[in-house]
């Protein structure tokens, strides 16, 4: 058996992973829009961040980020603080309620996926565990050798 072509595998993975992500989103019982959820997770993972940092990381326009942050702050999931040195800068950090929301969302997604994985046999679980390791390797930063 010959190995499949990387382009073919890339296309299949893109479709499969896209379907999985959309399915996981559908199982969220959360009123947050995808943009608001992405911002909340980014602030939770890397915050506190400035509005500009969030816009760059999420590839969004600053007005969109500002509107999303206002909504997230009004629900108590993030807090916005002014910079003590530069009053033009606002820092956004996660609140305890925001951390709980992230944790609950992750737990729901993990529980749903685990319930599906329980239907597989051990051989398929081993293959998927190895595939997850490989995918993690593909997304790891590439180190450039010094010349």
Protein backbone atom coordinates (compact mmCIF):
# COMPACT_ATOMS: atom_id res chain seq x y z
CA UNK A 1 0.00 0.00 0.00
CA UNK A 2 1.38 3.39 -0.96
CA UNK A 3 1.13 6.42 1.26
CA UNK A 4 -1.56 8.94 0.34
CA UNK A 5 -0.51 12.27 -1.11
CA UNK A 6 -0.13 15.11 1.42
CA UNK A 7 -2.57 17.31 -0.55
CA UNK A 8 -5.25 14.61 -0.37
CA UNK A 9 -4.73 14.07 3.36
CA UNK A 10 -4.76 17.84 3.94
CA UNK A 11 -8.10 18.17 2.19
CA UNK A 12 -9.62 15.26 4.11
CA UNK A 13 -8.31 16.53 7.46
CA UNK A 14 -9.56 20.05 6.78
CA UNK A 15 -13.05 18.75 6.02
CA UNK A 16 -13.14 16.33 8.96
CA UNK A 17 -11.77 18.78 11.51
CA UNK A 18 -14.08 21.51 10.25
CA UNK A 19 -17.09 19.22 10.66
CA UNK A 20 -15.95 18.24 14.15
CA UNK A 21 -15.52 21.87 15.23
CA UNK A 22 -18.95 22.82 13.84
CA UNK A 23 -20.52 19.84 15.61
CA UNK A 24 -18.88 20.77 18.92
CA UNK A 25 -20.15 24.34 18.54
CA UNK A 26 -23.69 23.07 17.98
CA UNK A 27 -23.50 21.17 21.27
CA UNK A 28 -22.65 24.32 23.20
CA UNK A 29 -25.58 25.54 25.23
CA UNK A 30 -24.11 29.01 25.25
CA UNK A 31 -25.50 32.27 23.96
CA UNK A 32 -22.07 33.65 23.08
CA UNK A 33 -21.42 34.31 19.42
CA UNK A 34 -18.40 32.54 17.91
CA UNK A 35 -16.50 35.86 17.92
CA UNK A 36 -17.28 36.55 21.56
CA UNK A 37 -16.35 32.99 22.53
CA UNK A 38 -13.06 33.24 20.63
CA UNK A 39 -12.22 36.51 22.36
CA UNK A 40 -13.17 35.10 25.76
CA UNK A 41 -10.94 32.05 25.23
CA UNK A 42 -8.04 34.20 24.00
CA UNK A 43 -8.27 36.51 27.01
CA UNK A 44 -8.53 33.46 29.26
CA UNK A 45 -5.47 31.86 27.72
CA UNK A 46 -3.24 34.91 27.21
CA UNK A 47 -4.76 37.83 29.12
CA UNK A 48 -4.87 40.43 30.29
CA UNK A 49 -4.59 41.88 26.80
CA UNK A 50 -5.13 45.26 25.22
CA UNK A 51 -7.95 45.72 22.72
CA UNK A 52 -5.31 46.03 19.99
CA UNK A 53 -3.70 42.75 21.05
CA UNK A 54 -7.07 41.01 20.89
CA UNK A 55 -7.80 42.50 17.47
CA UNK A 56 -4.46 41.25 16.12
CA UNK A 57 -4.73 37.78 17.65
CA UNK A 58 -8.31 37.28 16.47
CA UNK A 59 -7.78 39.13 13.16
CA UNK A 60 -10.70 41.44 13.83
CA UNK A 61 -11.25 45.16 13.41
CA UNK A 62 -10.85 47.14 16.63
CA UNK A 63 -14.48 48.37 16.55
CA UNK A 64 -15.67 44.74 16.43
CA UNK A 65 -13.44 43.85 19.36
CA UNK A 66 -14.63 46.89 21.32
CA UNK A 67 -18.29 45.93 20.77
CA UNK A 68 -17.65 42.30 21.76
CA UNK A 69 -15.70 43.34 24.87
CA UNK A 70 -18.53 45.66 25.91
CA UNK A 71 -21.00 42.76 25.66
CA UNK A 72 -18.68 40.39 27.52
CA UNK A 73 -18.11 43.00 30.23
CA UNK A 74 -21.85 43.66 30.58
CA UNK A 75 -22.37 39.96 31.32
CA UNK A 76 -19.53 39.97 33.85
CA UNK A 77 -17.22 37.64 31.91
CA UNK A 78 -14.38 40.12 31.41
CA UNK A 79 -13.32 43.32 33.03
CA UNK A 80 -11.83 46.30 31.27
CA UNK A 81 -9.25 48.46 33.02
CA UNK A 82 -7.45 51.57 31.88
CA UNK A 83 -3.69 51.60 31.60
CA UNK A 84 -2.16 53.58 34.48
CA UNK A 85 0.44 55.13 32.15
CA UNK A 86 -1.39 55.55 28.84
CA UNK A 87 -5.06 56.44 29.20
CA UNK A 88 -5.70 55.58 25.55
CA UNK A 89 -5.01 51.89 26.31
CA UNK A 90 -7.56 49.54 27.85
CA UNK A 91 -6.60 46.17 29.31
CA UNK A 92 -9.08 43.29 29.25
CA UNK A 93 -8.89 40.49 31.78
CA UNK A 94 -11.02 37.49 32.60
CA UNK A 95 -13.29 37.54 35.65
CA UNK A 96 -14.00 34.53 37.86
CA UNK A 97 -17.34 34.17 36.03
CA UNK A 98 -15.48 34.23 32.72
CA UNK A 99 -13.16 31.45 33.89
CA UNK A 100 -16.15 29.38 35.00
CA UNK A 101 -17.83 29.90 31.61
CA UNK A 102 -14.70 28.76 29.76
CA UNK A 103 -14.30 25.73 32.01
CA UNK A 104 -17.96 24.76 31.61
CA UNK A 105 -17.82 25.11 27.83
CA UNK A 106 -14.70 22.97 27.62
CA UNK A 107 -16.25 20.37 29.91
CA UNK A 108 -19.43 20.16 27.76
CA UNK A 109 -17.42 19.74 24.57
CA UNK A 110 -15.12 17.16 26.13
CA UNK A 111 -18.07 15.20 27.56
CA UNK A 112 -19.83 15.13 24.18
CA UNK A 113 -16.69 14.02 22.35
CA UNK A 114 -15.86 11.42 25.01
CA UNK A 115 -19.36 9.98 24.67
CA UNK A 116 -18.76 9.52 20.95
CA UNK A 117 -15.29 8.06 21.49
CA UNK A 118 -16.72 5.47 23.90
CA UNK A 119 -18.46 3.86 20.90
CA UNK A 120 -15.09 3.05 19.30
CA UNK A 121 -12.98 -0.03 19.85
CA UNK A 122 -9.54 0.10 21.45
CA UNK A 123 -7.70 -0.06 18.11
CA UNK A 124 -9.50 3.03 16.82
CA UNK A 125 -8.89 4.88 20.10
CA UNK A 126 -5.17 4.13 19.82
CA UNK A 127 -5.15 5.46 16.25
CA UNK A 128 -6.98 8.65 17.28
CA UNK A 129 -4.68 9.20 20.25
CA UNK A 130 -1.68 8.97 17.93
CA UNK A 131 -3.39 11.23 15.38
CA UNK A 132 -3.93 13.84 18.11
CA UNK A 133 -0.20 13.74 18.92
CA UNK A 134 0.66 14.18 15.25
CA UNK A 135 -1.78 17.08 14.87
CA UNK A 136 -0.28 18.76 17.94
CA UNK A 137 3.12 18.42 16.30
CA UNK A 138 1.86 20.07 13.13
CA UNK A 139 0.67 23.10 15.06
CA UNK A 140 3.80 23.46 17.19
CA UNK A 141 5.98 26.48 16.42
CA UNK A 142 8.72 25.71 13.92
CA UNK A 143 12.18 26.51 15.16
CA UNK A 144 14.46 28.12 12.60
CA UNK A 145 18.06 27.02 12.82
CA UNK A 146 20.60 29.81 13.26
CA UNK A 147 23.05 30.18 10.39
